[in-house]
Amino acid sequence: DVSRASSTQKIRITFTINTNPIATKGMHDIYLRVIDPAGNLIIGEGGMFMANNQELQYTYKTAIEFSGEAKSFNLDWTNRNTFEPGNYTVLLYADGATMGRGGFTLR
């Protein structure tokens, strides 16, 4: 764990999906958007996806296996550029909707 922008190489996003017996079991694409302190999307892979009836660009895409039971996941993302000091916003999307939002601060 680091808190300085100059020594940060990657971020780890930890999230939990609650038990949901009616949700589709199997693989689900997870889209990550990281917003820098200036309010700009950090472009990673640069692909597009649909969520909340909008076409959005993502920073990183991965897939998780959901069994219907509660489970925690870790998503690691390495920034190809250097991080700048300030407040970052992290947004996660799955199945066409926002699934979570958080943030972190680097000095």
Protein backbone atom coordinates (compact mmCIF):
# COMPACT_ATOMS: atom_id res chain seq x y z
CA ASP A 1 0.00 0.00 0.00
CA VAL A 2 1.26 3.43 -0.98
CA SER A 3 -0.21 6.90 -0.78
CA ARG A 4 2.18 8.93 -2.94
CA ALA A 5 1.42 9.40 -6.62
CA SER A 6 5.09 9.07 -7.56
CA SER A 7 5.36 5.56 -6.08
CA THR A 8 1.96 4.24 -7.18
CA GLN A 9 2.11 1.74 -10.02
CA LYS A 10 -1.26 0.01 -9.80
CA ILE A 11 -4.53 0.14 -7.94
CA ARG A 12 -6.51 -2.71 -6.41
CA ILE A 13 -10.28 -2.44 -6.37
CA THR A 14 -11.99 -4.80 -3.94
CA PHE A 15 -15.73 -5.30 -4.23
CA THR A 16 -18.35 -7.74 -2.98
CA ILE A 17 -21.33 -9.04 -4.88
CA ASN A 18 -24.16 -10.09 -2.57
CA THR A 19 -26.11 -13.32 -2.82
CA ASN A 20 -28.58 -13.12 -5.69
CA PRO A 21 -30.35 -16.39 -6.56
CA ILE A 22 -32.18 -14.89 -9.57
CA ALA A 23 -29.11 -13.31 -11.23
CA THR A 24 -27.61 -15.08 -14.22
CA LYS A 25 -24.87 -17.43 -13.11
CA GLY A 26 -21.65 -17.66 -15.09
CA MET A 27 -19.13 -15.24 -16.53
CA HIS A 28 -19.89 -11.51 -16.42
CA ASP A 29 -17.83 -8.72 -17.99
CA ILE A 30 -16.75 -6.03 -15.53
CA TYR A 31 -15.83 -2.60 -16.88
CA LEU A 32 -13.63 -0.22 -14.89
CA ARG A 33 -13.51 3.53 -15.42
CA VAL A 34 -10.84 5.53 -13.56
CA ILE A 35 -11.30 9.31 -13.50
CA ASP A 36 -8.18 11.38 -12.75
CA PRO A 37 -8.05 14.47 -10.49
CA ALA A 38 -8.69 16.76 -13.49
CA GLY A 39 -11.95 14.89 -14.23
CA ASN A 40 -10.63 13.03 -17.29
CA LEU A 41 -11.08 9.33 -17.97
CA ILE A 42 -7.77 7.49 -17.86
CA ILE A 43 -7.70 5.64 -21.17
CA GLY A 44 -6.35 2.13 -20.84
CA GLU A 45 -7.50 -0.45 -23.35
CA GLY A 46 -9.81 2.15 -24.82
CA GLY A 47 -12.79 0.00 -25.77
CA MET A 48 -16.44 0.98 -25.58
CA PHE A 49 -19.40 -0.56 -23.75
CA MET A 50 -23.06 0.20 -23.07
CA ALA A 51 -24.30 1.08 -19.57
CA ASN A 52 -27.28 3.04 -18.33
CA ASN A 53 -28.36 3.59 -21.95
CA GLN A 54 -25.06 5.32 -22.84
CA GLU A 55 -22.03 4.25 -24.82
CA LEU A 56 -19.01 4.73 -22.56
CA GLN A 57 -15.29 4.22 -22.90
CA TYR A 58 -13.59 2.06 -20.31
CA THR A 59 -10.19 2.05 -18.69
CA TYR A 60 -10.01 -1.71 -18.15
CA LYS A 61 -12.20 -4.74 -18.80
CA THR A 62 -12.13 -8.15 -17.13
CA ALA A 63 -14.55 -10.99 -16.42
CA ILE A 64 -15.64 -12.67 -13.21
CA GLU A 65 -17.48 -15.90 -12.51
CA PHE A 66 -20.66 -15.35 -10.49
CA SER A 67 -22.29 -18.36 -8.86
CA GLY A 68 -25.25 -16.60 -7.25
CA GLU A 69 -23.56 -16.66 -3.83
CA ALA A 70 -21.96 -13.68 -2.07
CA LYS A 71 -18.32 -13.32 -2.99
CA SER A 72 -15.56 -10.71 -2.82
CA PHE A 73 -13.37 -9.96 -5.82
CA ASN A 74 -10.09 -8.09 -6.33
CA LEU A 75 -9.42 -6.25 -9.56
CA ASP A 76 -5.85 -5.03 -10.12
CA TRP A 77 -5.16 -2.38 -12.74
CA THR A 78 -1.74 -1.07 -13.71
CA ASN A 79 -1.57 2.47 -15.06
CA ARG A 80 0.67 2.79 -18.13
CA ASN A 81 1.30 6.43 -17.21
CA THR A 82 2.31 8.02 -13.94
CA PHE A 83 -0.35 8.91 -11.41
CA GLU A 84 -0.75 12.58 -10.52
CA PRO A 85 -1.47 13.74 -6.97
CA GLY A 86 -5.15 14.30 -6.20
CA ASN A 87 -8.52 12.61 -5.86
CA TYR A 88 -9.46 9.75 -8.20
CA THR A 89 -12.89 8.29 -8.87
CA VAL A 90 -13.36 4.61 -9.68
CA LEU A 91 -16.56 3.32 -11.30
CA LEU A 92 -17.50 -0.32 -11.94
CA TYR A 93 -20.12 -1.50 -14.41
CA ALA A 94 -21.64 -4.89 -15.22
CA ASP A 95 -24.60 -6.11 -17.23
CA GLY A 96 -25.35 -2.65 -18.62
CA ALA A 97 -25.55 -0.84 -15.28
CA THR A 98 -23.39 0.87 -12.66
CA MET A 99 -22.48 -1.60 -9.94
CA GLY A 100 -20.28 0.52 -7.72
CA ARG A 101 -18.40 3.75 -7.17
CA GLY A 102 -15.48 4.69 -4.95
CA GLY A 103 -12.42 6.81 -4.80
CA PHE A 104 -8.92 7.27 -3.46
CA THR A 105 -6.48 10.10 -2.89
CA LEU A 106 -2.79 10.21 -3.77
CA ARG A 107 -0.39 12.79 -2.37
